Amino acid sequence: MGNSVRELADKTPEGRDRYIDLLRVASLGTVVAGHWLMATVGEDGEVGNLLAVVPGLQLLTWALQIMPVFFFVGGFSHALSYRSLRRKQPGGTSVYSAFLRARLQRLLRPTMVFILVWGAAALVVQLLGGGSGLTGVALRLVAQPLWFIGIYLAMVAFTPPLLKLHERYGWGAFWVLVAAAASVDVLRFGLDVPFVEFLNFAFVWLAVHQLGFLRADGMIRMPSALAGTGLLAATGLVAFGPYPLSMVGMPGEKVSNMAPPTLALLCHALWLVGAVELLRAPGARLVARPRVWRAVVAANGIAMTAFLWHLTAMLGVYGALLALDVPLPAPAGGAWWAQVPLRFAAATVLTALFVAAFRTFERPAAARPAATRPAGSRPAGPAAPGPLAGPAAALGITLCLLGVLGLSMVGFGELLEGRTAMLIAVPVSAPSAVFMALGGWLLVEAAGRARTGAGRL
């Protein structure tokens, strides 16, 4: 592993924007640390939220709710990837299906393994009559971070049309999405229009994604203005509007800035993007150091696996403490804070074990060596895809999106009872969500193979 990381780091092209890779790792790492810090468990196994215990700490979410940075980085990467494919293989739906499979291989494979492992575990627990206490809570909570996967799937799916709009209108395409997000909040809070708030899952996050396109074309020239405008707007909306202080979801709150996302969260994203752009020069100097860059390369190779399993690790740590009758101090007290470094260390070790077990599914499929091809055969080249490759890929990513989002809402608990949750006004159960996610993934894989399979013979 170390040797391969060194080789990858040494072969990095000179023109690669290493700061973007650093932002990707740093944003996911911040999310993981934030989740570990916020999770509290009492002696009875009841899971709570540190931000609810100490409301004053909610202000920290204005710096630590850094998921918009990851989606911003995604927009940058998707623009470069799609343009590269478009140059190499101009051809409409064939480019689209190839783009989906190329971008989603390292995302969907570890995600589907996570879903299958936890689905099987939940089924065994329920058949054995378990599912109470911390175990039952874990079955519900571990799936919650999957919302991020669902949103990212939507960003990949919408990259081609939104990139085309960006190339034509530039900042105009971004501001149209901002206006759409603002209109949704006016309809939601001003006119009480039901279900309209769910549209902002698209408008808010796709607007952040669009900032990545602008970054790819060097169009963010005044990051200080972007950061200042976003911070002032978010402050005004929270101070005088119907928006809560926390930029992450809070248990029991009537309005959340996250689910569904609000205009306040979009303004928060503007300030974050402006801030990381202001740090671009020192960040680039930092990641230019060989040791730092090798660490970034290594972390990028396991980031998705670590993200998927980090809550499992933290809940496993708390479960072990309860099983060993280790006293769990009251949240936010002196003893609780003193225990934080130990819990973090234990969760890091457990996450590393999960990564060791499942990281192979995050690696892209290796190209078939020439020596293993049948004699007389030609290397795979661009092949004419079947007429249904593009639609199959679009249907596949839609099913994945609905399945993953549904599972993030309903969790793995009460699997046999068919417990449902509302996904955009439609009830969805865990079994149906799992089937949609798996079926969609298989369609995306099949559509991606269709364009290269014929070239192998």
Protein backbone atom coordinates (compact mmCIF):
# COMPACT_ATOMS: atom_id res chain seq x y z
CA MET A 1 0.00 0.00 0.00
CA GLY A 2 2.72 2.48 0.98
CA ASN A 3 4.73 1.71 -2.17
CA SER A 4 1.69 2.20 -4.43
CA VAL A 5 0.87 5.49 -2.72
CA ARG A 6 4.44 6.71 -3.24
CA GLU A 7 4.27 5.71 -6.92
CA LEU A 8 0.95 7.48 -7.41
CA ALA A 9 2.24 10.58 -5.68
CA ASP A 10 5.44 10.60 -7.75
CA LYS A 11 3.47 10.24 -11.00
CA THR A 12 1.18 13.18 -10.28
CA PRO A 13 0.99 15.42 -13.37
CA GLU A 14 2.52 18.85 -12.96
CA GLY A 15 -0.73 20.60 -13.85
CA ARG A 16 -2.88 18.84 -11.26
CA ASP A 17 -4.56 21.13 -8.75
CA ARG A 18 -3.41 19.42 -5.56
CA TYR A 19 -5.21 21.92 -3.36
CA ILE A 20 -8.53 20.51 -4.59
CA ASP A 21 -7.47 17.04 -3.40
CA LEU A 22 -6.50 18.51 -0.04
CA LEU A 23 -9.94 20.15 0.27
CA ARG A 24 -11.66 16.85 -0.51
CA VAL A 25 -9.80 15.02 2.25
CA ALA A 26 -10.05 17.88 4.75
CA SER A 27 -13.81 18.32 4.26
CA LEU A 28 -14.61 14.63 4.77
CA GLY A 29 -12.24 14.46 7.73
CA THR A 30 -13.97 17.44 9.34
CA VAL A 31 -17.38 15.81 8.86
CA VAL A 32 -16.16 12.58 10.48
CA ALA A 33 -14.64 14.43 13.46
CA GLY A 34 -17.80 16.52 13.82
CA HIS A 35 -20.03 13.44 13.94
CA TRP A 36 -17.78 11.79 16.49
CA LEU A 37 -17.82 14.88 18.67
CA MET A 38 -21.58 15.49 18.48
CA ALA A 39 -22.61 11.92 19.33
CA THR A 40 -23.36 11.41 23.02
CA VAL A 41 -24.54 8.20 24.67
CA GLY A 42 -25.89 7.89 28.19
CA GLU A 43 -25.68 5.00 30.64
CA ASP A 44 -29.04 3.70 29.36
CA GLY A 45 -27.78 3.61 25.76
CA GLU A 46 -29.78 6.65 24.71
CA VAL A 47 -28.06 8.59 21.93
CA GLY A 48 -28.07 12.38 22.08
CA ASN A 49 -26.51 15.40 20.40
CA LEU A 50 -23.88 17.59 22.04
CA LEU A 51 -25.24 20.66 20.23
CA ALA A 52 -28.59 20.12 21.90
CA VAL A 53 -26.96 19.81 25.32
CA VAL A 54 -24.89 22.96 24.84
CA PRO A 55 -26.80 25.18 22.36
CA GLY A 56 -24.03 27.77 22.39
CA LEU A 57 -21.80 25.32 20.50
CA GLN A 58 -24.15 25.53 17.50
CA LEU A 59 -22.21 28.59 16.36
CA LEU A 60 -19.27 26.26 15.64
CA THR A 61 -21.30 24.72 12.81
CA TRP A 62 -20.66 27.92 10.84
CA ALA A 63 -17.10 26.71 10.45
CA LEU A 64 -17.44 22.94 10.88
CA GLN A 65 -20.43 22.30 8.59
CA ILE A 66 -18.04 21.93 5.72
CA MET A 67 -19.95 19.53 3.46
CA PRO A 68 -20.57 22.36 0.94
CA VAL A 69 -16.82 22.41 0.32
CA PHE A 70 -16.92 18.75 -0.70
CA PHE A 71 -19.73 19.42 -3.19
CA PHE A 72 -17.83 22.46 -4.50
CA VAL A 73 -14.80 20.22 -5.07
CA GLY A 74 -17.09 17.71 -6.77
CA GLY A 75 -18.22 20.33 -9.28
CA PHE A 76 -14.61 21.16 -10.12
CA SER A 77 -13.69 17.48 -10.63
CA HIS A 78 -16.83 16.64 -12.59
CA ALA A 79 -16.25 19.50 -15.02
CA LEU A 80 -12.72 18.34 -15.78
CA SER A 81 -13.72 14.68 -16.05
CA TYR A 82 -16.69 15.24 -18.36
CA ARG A 83 -14.75 17.58 -20.63
CA SER A 84 -11.94 15.05 -20.90
CA LEU A 85 -14.35 12.30 -21.95
CA ARG A 86 -16.11 14.66 -24.35
CA ARG A 87 -12.82 15.45 -26.08
CA LYS A 88 -11.78 11.81 -26.34
CA GLN A 89 -15.13 10.33 -27.35
CA PRO A 90 -17.61 12.84 -28.73
CA GLY A 91 -20.92 11.04 -28.89
CA GLY A 92 -23.87 12.12 -26.75
CA THR A 93 -25.32 9.30 -24.67
CA SER A 94 -22.14 7.19 -24.92
CA VAL A 95 -20.20 9.95 -23.18
CA TYR A 96 -22.94 10.29 -20.56
CA SER A 97 -23.02 6.60 -19.64
CA ALA A 98 -19.21 6.43 -19.63
CA PHE A 99 -19.05 9.52 -17.41
CA LEU A 100 -21.55 8.06 -14.93
CA ARG A 101 -19.73 4.77 -14.60
CA ALA A 102 -16.30 6.41 -14.36
CA ARG A 103 -17.40 8.84 -11.64
CA LEU A 104 -19.53 6.40 -9.68
CA GLN A 105 -17.38 3.26 -9.56
CA ARG A 106 -15.49 4.31 -6.45
CA LEU A 107 -18.64 5.75 -4.89
CA LEU A 108 -21.29 3.10 -5.46
CA ARG A 109 -19.28 -0.07 -4.94
CA PRO A 110 -18.27 0.66 -1.31
CA THR A 111 -21.76 2.09 -0.70
CA MET A 112 -23.49 -1.06 -1.92
CA VAL A 113 -21.20 -3.23 0.20
CA PHE A 114 -22.05 -1.07 3.22
CA ILE A 115 -25.78 -1.45 2.49
CA LEU A 116 -25.53 -5.23 2.04
CA VAL A 117 -23.47 -5.77 5.19
CA TRP A 118 -25.71 -3.63 7.38
CA GLY A 119 -28.86 -5.02 5.77
CA ALA A 120 -27.76 -8.59 6.52
CA ALA A 121 -26.76 -7.64 10.08
CA ALA A 122 -30.11 -5.93 10.67
CA LEU A 123 -31.96 -8.99 9.41
CA VAL A 124 -29.99 -11.32 11.71
CA VAL A 125 -30.52 -9.03 14.72
CA GLN A 126 -34.25 -8.87 14.13
CA LEU A 127 -34.61 -12.61 13.56
CA LEU A 128 -32.83 -13.19 16.87
CA GLY A 129 -35.25 -10.86 18.64
CA GLY A 130 -32.76 -8.03 19.17
CA GLY A 131 -32.91 -4.45 18.08
CA SER A 132 -33.45 -2.66 21.37
CA GLY A 133 -31.23 -0.17 23.19
CA LEU A 134 -28.10 1.07 21.49
CA THR A 135 -28.34 -1.67 18.83
CA GLY A 136 -31.73 -0.40 17.68
CA VAL A 137 -30.46 3.17 17.63
CA ALA A 138 -27.42 2.10 15.60
CA LEU A 139 -29.64 0.37 13.03
CA ARG A 140 -31.36 3.70 12.44
CA LEU A 141 -28.40 6.07 12.70
CA VAL A 142 -25.69 4.38 10.62
CA ALA A 143 -27.65 4.96 7.42
CA GLN A 144 -28.15 8.70 7.94
CA PRO A 145 -24.87 9.80 6.27
CA LEU A 146 -26.10 8.13 3.07
CA TRP A 147 -28.01 11.34 2.27
CA PHE A 148 -24.64 12.72 1.19
CA ILE A 149 -24.22 9.86 -1.30
CA GLY A 150 -27.69 10.54 -2.71
CA ILE A 151 -27.01 14.23 -3.25
CA TYR A 152 -23.66 13.46 -4.85
CA LEU A 153 -25.38 11.05 -7.24
CA ALA A 154 -27.72 13.85 -8.32
CA MET A 155 -24.74 16.14 -8.93
CA VAL A 156 -23.08 13.57 -11.17
CA ALA A 157 -26.32 12.97 -13.07
CA PHE A 158 -26.92 16.68 -13.72
CA THR A 159 -23.33 17.55 -14.60
CA PRO A 160 -23.69 17.42 -18.43
CA PRO A 161 -26.72 19.76 -18.78
CA LEU A 162 -25.61 22.13 -16.01
CA LEU A 163 -22.07 22.28 -17.39
CA LYS A 164 -23.52 23.24 -20.75
CA LEU A 165 -25.50 26.04 -19.09
CA HIS A 166 -22.37 27.17 -17.25
CA GLU A 167 -20.37 27.26 -20.46
CA ARG A 168 -23.02 29.46 -22.03
CA TYR A 169 -24.04 31.75 -19.15
CA GLY A 170 -21.23 31.54 -16.58
CA TRP A 171 -22.22 33.20 -13.31
CA GLY A 172 -25.74 33.66 -14.69
CA ALA A 173 -26.48 29.92 -14.40
CA PHE A 174 -25.38 29.99 -10.76
CA TRP A 175 -27.52 33.01 -9.86
CA VAL A 176 -30.58 31.42 -11.47
CA LEU A 177 -30.21 28.47 -9.08
CA VAL A 178 -29.79 30.89 -6.15
CA ALA A 179 -32.97 32.70 -7.20
CA ALA A 180 -34.78 29.38 -7.45
CA ALA A 181 -33.66 28.41 -3.92
CA ALA A 182 -34.81 31.79 -2.59
CA SER A 183 -38.19 31.40 -4.32
CA VAL A 184 -38.68 27.99 -2.73
CA ASP A 185 -38.12 29.47 0.73
CA VAL A 186 -40.58 32.29 0.01
CA LEU A 187 -43.20 29.73 -1.00
CA ARG A 188 -42.35 27.57 2.01
CA PHE A 189 -42.22 30.15 4.79
CA GLY A 190 -44.29 32.94 3.31
CA LEU A 191 -47.13 31.07 1.62
CA ASP A 192 -47.02 27.66 3.39
CA VAL A 193 -46.98 25.74 0.11
CA PRO A 194 -46.69 22.05 1.07
CA PHE A 195 -43.75 19.89 -0.05
CA VAL A 196 -42.14 22.71 -2.07
CA GLU A 197 -39.19 22.77 0.34
CA PHE A 198 -37.92 19.46 -1.07
CA LEU A 199 -37.00 21.24 -4.32
CA ASN A 200 -34.13 22.87 -2.46
CA PHE A 201 -32.36 19.54 -2.19
CA ALA A 202 -31.69 20.20 -5.87
CA PHE A 203 -31.46 23.99 -6.11
CA VAL A 204 -29.20 24.59 -3.09
CA TRP A 205 -26.73 21.76 -3.63
CA LEU A 206 -26.60 22.14 -7.41
CA ALA A 207 -25.83 25.84 -6.92
CA VAL A 208 -22.86 24.86 -4.72
CA HIS A 209 -21.84 22.32 -7.36
CA GLN A 210 -22.03 25.10 -9.98
CA LEU A 211 -19.43 27.05 -7.99
CA GLY A 212 -17.06 24.17 -8.73
CA PHE A 213 -17.59 24.75 -12.47
CA LEU A 214 -16.75 28.42 -11.98
CA ARG A 215 -13.61 27.46 -10.07
CA ALA A 216 -12.57 25.08 -12.89
CA ASP A 217 -12.69 27.97 -15.36
CA GLY A 218 -10.91 30.45 -13.08
CA MET A 219 -14.01 32.62 -12.69
CA ILE A 220 -13.91 33.06 -8.89
CA ARG A 221 -11.71 36.15 -8.94
CA MET A 222 -12.93 37.90 -5.77
CA PRO A 223 -13.13 35.24 -3.05
CA SER A 224 -13.14 37.84 -0.27
CA ALA A 225 -16.29 39.40 -1.72
CA LEU A 226 -17.88 35.97 -2.04
CA ALA A 227 -17.03 35.06 1.56
CA GLY A 228 -18.15 38.41 2.95
CA THR A 229 -21.43 38.45 1.03
CA GLY A 230 -22.25 34.89 2.08
CA LEU A 231 -21.43 35.50 5.74
CA LEU A 232 -23.42 38.74 5.93
CA ALA A 233 -26.40 37.20 4.14
CA ALA A 234 -26.41 34.09 6.33
CA THR A 235 -26.16 36.22 9.47
CA GLY A 236 -29.06 38.41 8.38
CA LEU A 237 -31.25 35.47 7.44
CA VAL A 238 -30.67 33.74 10.79
CA ALA A 239 -31.06 36.95 12.80
CA PHE A 240 -34.23 38.22 11.12
CA GLY A 241 -35.68 35.22 9.29
CA PRO A 242 -37.19 31.85 10.19
CA TYR A 243 -33.84 30.05 10.07
CA PRO A 244 -32.16 28.34 13.06
CA LEU A 245 -28.61 29.09 14.19
CA SER A 246 -27.26 25.59 13.58
CA MET A 247 -26.08 24.73 10.07
CA VAL A 248 -26.60 21.03 10.82
CA GLY A 249 -29.84 19.27 11.66
CA MET A 250 -30.92 19.30 15.29
CA PRO A 251 -33.19 16.69 16.93
CA GLY A 252 -36.78 17.86 17.33
CA GLU A 253 -36.37 21.23 15.63
CA LYS A 254 -39.28 22.46 13.54
CA VAL A 255 -37.07 24.02 10.86
CA SER A 256 -33.70 22.65 9.79
CA ASN A 257 -31.15 24.37 7.58
CA MET A 258 -30.07 20.97 6.30
CA ALA A 259 -33.09 18.77 5.65
CA PRO A 260 -34.32 20.21 3.39
CA PRO A 261 -31.54 22.75 2.81
CA THR A 262 -32.41 26.43 3.00
CA LEU A 263 -31.26 29.71 1.50
CA ALA A 264 -29.36 30.30 4.76
CA LEU A 265 -27.32 27.15 4.15
CA LEU A 266 -26.61 28.29 0.58
CA CYS A 267 -25.30 31.61 1.91
CA HIS A 268 -23.21 29.65 4.41
CA ALA A 269 -21.80 27.68 1.47
CA LEU A 270 -20.85 30.94 -0.28
CA TRP A 271 -18.86 32.07 2.73
CA LEU A 272 -17.11 28.70 3.03
CA VAL A 273 -16.17 28.57 -0.65
CA GLY A 274 -14.86 32.12 -0.49
CA ALA A 275 -12.87 31.26 2.64
CA VAL A 276 -11.18 28.18 1.18
CA GLU A 277 -10.36 30.14 -1.97
CA LEU A 278 -8.68 32.80 0.16
CA LEU A 279 -6.53 30.01 1.66
CA ARG A 280 -5.64 28.64 -1.76
CA ALA A 281 -2.05 29.95 -1.96
CA PRO A 282 -0.86 28.70 1.46
CA GLY A 283 -2.81 25.46 0.96
CA ALA A 284 -1.10 24.86 -2.39
CA ARG A 285 2.31 25.45 -0.80
CA LEU A 286 1.48 22.98 1.97
CA VAL A 287 0.33 20.20 -0.33
CA ALA A 288 3.35 20.71 -2.61
CA ARG A 289 5.49 19.11 0.12
CA PRO A 290 6.15 15.45 -0.83
CA ARG A 291 5.18 13.98 2.54
CA VAL A 292 1.97 15.99 2.75
CA TRP A 293 1.02 15.11 -0.80
CA ARG A 294 1.61 11.38 -0.17
CA ALA A 295 -0.66 11.61 2.88
CA VAL A 296 -3.35 13.29 0.78
CA VAL A 297 -3.06 10.63 -1.94
CA ALA A 298 -3.33 7.85 0.65
CA ALA A 299 -6.33 9.47 2.34
CA ASN A 300 -8.14 10.02 -0.96
CA GLY A 301 -7.78 6.31 -1.71
CA ILE A 302 -9.80 5.31 1.37
CA ALA A 303 -11.92 8.41 2.05
CA MET A 304 -15.28 7.01 0.97
CA THR A 305 -14.86 3.75 2.88
CA ALA A 306 -13.85 5.63 6.03
CA PHE A 307 -16.82 8.00 5.66
CA LEU A 308 -19.31 5.15 5.25
CA TRP A 309 -18.11 3.28 8.34
CA HIS A 310 -17.14 6.09 10.74
CA LEU A 311 -20.51 6.19 12.55
CA THR A 312 -20.46 2.41 12.86
CA ALA A 313 -17.05 2.74 14.52
CA MET A 314 -18.13 5.41 17.00
CA LEU A 315 -21.30 3.55 18.00
CA GLY A 316 -19.16 0.42 18.33
CA VAL A 317 -16.89 2.27 20.76
CA TYR A 318 -19.86 3.35 22.86
CA GLY A 319 -21.27 -0.18 22.71
CA ALA A 320 -17.99 -1.59 23.99
CA LEU A 321 -17.89 0.94 26.83
CA LEU A 322 -21.43 -0.04 27.88
CA ALA A 323 -20.63 -3.76 27.62
CA LEU A 324 -17.54 -3.30 29.79
CA ASP A 325 -19.46 -1.19 32.34
CA VAL A 326 -17.14 1.75 31.80
CA PRO A 327 -18.77 4.83 33.37
CA LEU A 328 -20.13 7.26 30.77
CA PRO A 329 -20.01 10.78 32.21
CA ALA A 330 -22.75 13.33 31.61
CA PRO A 331 -22.32 15.02 28.20
CA ALA A 332 -20.41 18.31 28.08
CA GLY A 333 -19.04 17.97 31.62
CA GLY A 334 -15.35 18.01 32.49
CA ALA A 335 -15.10 14.22 32.66
CA TRP A 336 -16.89 13.91 29.30
CA TRP A 337 -14.46 16.27 27.58
CA ALA A 338 -11.52 14.45 29.16
CA GLN A 339 -12.80 11.20 27.63
CA VAL A 340 -13.10 12.67 24.11
CA PRO A 341 -9.46 11.98 23.02
CA LEU A 342 -9.76 8.34 24.12
CA ARG A 343 -13.04 7.86 22.26
CA PHE A 344 -11.57 9.48 19.16
CA ALA A 345 -8.51 7.24 19.31
CA ALA A 346 -10.64 4.10 19.72
CA ALA A 347 -12.99 5.16 16.90
CA THR A 348 -9.99 5.85 14.65
CA VAL A 349 -8.62 2.36 15.27
CA LEU A 350 -12.00 0.74 14.62
CA THR A 351 -12.51 2.79 11.46
CA ALA A 352 -9.06 1.69 10.27
CA LEU A 353 -10.12 -1.94 10.74
CA PHE A 354 -13.25 -1.35 8.65
CA VAL A 355 -11.13 0.35 5.99
CA ALA A 356 -8.73 -2.61 5.95
CA ALA A 357 -11.67 -4.97 5.48
CA PHE A 358 -13.57 -3.03 2.80
CA ARG A 359 -11.14 -0.68 1.03
CA THR A 360 -10.70 -3.07 -1.89
CA PHE A 361 -14.21 -2.13 -3.08
CA GLU A 362 -13.16 1.52 -3.37
CA ARG A 363 -10.36 0.77 -5.78
CA PRO A 364 -11.21 1.25 -9.47
CA ALA A 365 -11.32 -1.90 -11.55
CA ALA A 366 -7.87 -2.66 -12.93
CA ALA A 367 -7.43 -2.61 -16.66
CA ARG A 368 -6.95 -5.98 -18.20
CA PRO A 369 -3.25 -6.53 -19.02
CA ALA A 370 -2.34 -7.09 -22.66
CA ALA A 371 -0.72 -10.44 -21.80
CA THR A 372 -4.05 -11.85 -20.62
CA ARG A 373 -5.99 -10.97 -23.77
CA PRO A 374 -6.68 -13.77 -26.25
CA ALA A 375 -4.10 -14.06 -29.03
CA GLY A 376 -5.00 -11.99 -32.04
CA SER A 377 -7.45 -9.78 -30.16
CA ARG A 378 -7.23 -6.00 -30.17
CA PRO A 379 -7.23 -3.70 -27.16
CA ALA A 380 -10.54 -2.32 -26.09
CA GLY A 381 -11.33 0.88 -27.92
CA PRO A 382 -14.31 3.14 -28.36
CA ALA A 383 -17.29 1.05 -29.29
CA ALA A 384 -20.73 1.99 -30.42
CA PRO A 385 -22.97 1.63 -27.38
CA GLY A 386 -26.40 0.10 -27.58
CA PRO A 387 -29.24 2.58 -28.13
CA LEU A 388 -30.44 2.07 -24.55
CA ALA A 389 -27.09 2.68 -22.82
CA GLY A 390 -27.81 6.34 -22.05
CA PRO A 391 -31.41 5.85 -20.83
CA ALA A 392 -30.35 2.80 -18.80
CA ALA A 393 -27.63 4.84 -17.11
CA ALA A 394 -30.10 7.67 -16.37
CA LEU A 395 -32.66 5.22 -14.96
CA GLY A 396 -29.96 3.50 -12.92
CA ILE A 397 -28.70 6.66 -11.28
CA THR A 398 -32.30 7.74 -10.55
CA LEU A 399 -33.02 4.45 -8.78
CA CYS A 400 -29.74 4.71 -6.85
CA LEU A 401 -30.59 8.25 -5.83
CA LEU A 402 -34.07 7.33 -4.55
CA GLY A 403 -32.87 4.16 -2.86
CA VAL A 404 -29.94 5.73 -1.05
CA LEU A 405 -31.91 8.81 0.05
CA GLY A 406 -34.79 6.60 1.20
CA LEU A 407 -32.45 4.39 3.20
CA SER A 408 -30.86 7.43 4.85
CA MET A 409 -34.32 8.39 6.13
CA VAL A 410 -35.75 5.03 7.16
CA GLY A 411 -32.57 3.25 8.35
CA PHE A 412 -32.12 -0.49 8.84
CA GLY A 413 -34.32 -0.80 11.92
CA GLU A 414 -37.62 -2.70 11.84
CA LEU A 415 -36.62 -4.28 8.55
CA LEU A 416 -39.21 -7.06 8.71
CA GLU A 417 -42.02 -4.79 9.87
CA GLY A 418 -41.68 -2.67 6.75
CA ARG A 419 -41.29 0.64 8.61
CA THR A 420 -41.59 3.54 6.18
CA ALA A 421 -40.44 7.16 5.97
CA MET A 422 -41.60 9.94 3.68
CA LEU A 423 -39.30 10.65 0.73
CA ILE A 424 -40.66 13.72 -1.08
CA ALA A 425 -44.27 12.85 -0.15
CA VAL A 426 -43.80 9.16 -1.10
CA PRO A 427 -43.53 6.46 1.61
CA VAL A 428 -40.43 4.28 1.26
CA SER A 429 -39.36 1.23 3.29
CA ALA A 430 -35.89 -0.19 3.92
CA PRO A 431 -36.40 -3.28 1.67
CA SER A 432 -37.68 -1.16 -1.23
CA ALA A 433 -34.83 1.33 -0.77
CA VAL A 434 -32.23 -1.47 -0.81
CA PHE A 435 -33.71 -2.99 -3.98
CA MET A 436 -33.80 0.39 -5.74
CA ALA A 437 -30.20 1.16 -4.79
CA LEU A 438 -28.87 -2.24 -5.87
CA GLY A 439 -30.93 -2.35 -9.07
CA GLY A 440 -29.86 1.15 -10.03
CA TRP A 441 -26.20 0.35 -9.43
CA LEU A 442 -26.40 -2.73 -11.67
CA LEU A 443 -27.98 -0.63 -14.43
CA VAL A 444 -25.22 1.98 -14.22
CA GLU A 445 -22.55 -0.73 -14.33
CA ALA A 446 -24.20 -2.46 -17.31
CA ALA A 447 -24.63 0.80 -19.23
CA GLY A 448 -20.99 1.71 -18.68
CA ARG A 449 -19.79 -1.69 -19.87
CA ALA A 450 -21.98 -1.57 -22.98
CA ARG A 451 -19.80 1.08 -24.59
CA THR A 452 -16.52 -0.84 -24.20
CA GLY A 453 -17.51 -4.50 -24.26
CA ALA A 454 -17.80 -4.76 -28.04
CA GLY A 455 -14.29 -3.38 -28.48
CA ARG A 456 -12.71 -6.31 -26.66
CA LEU A 457 -13.30 -8.81 -29.48
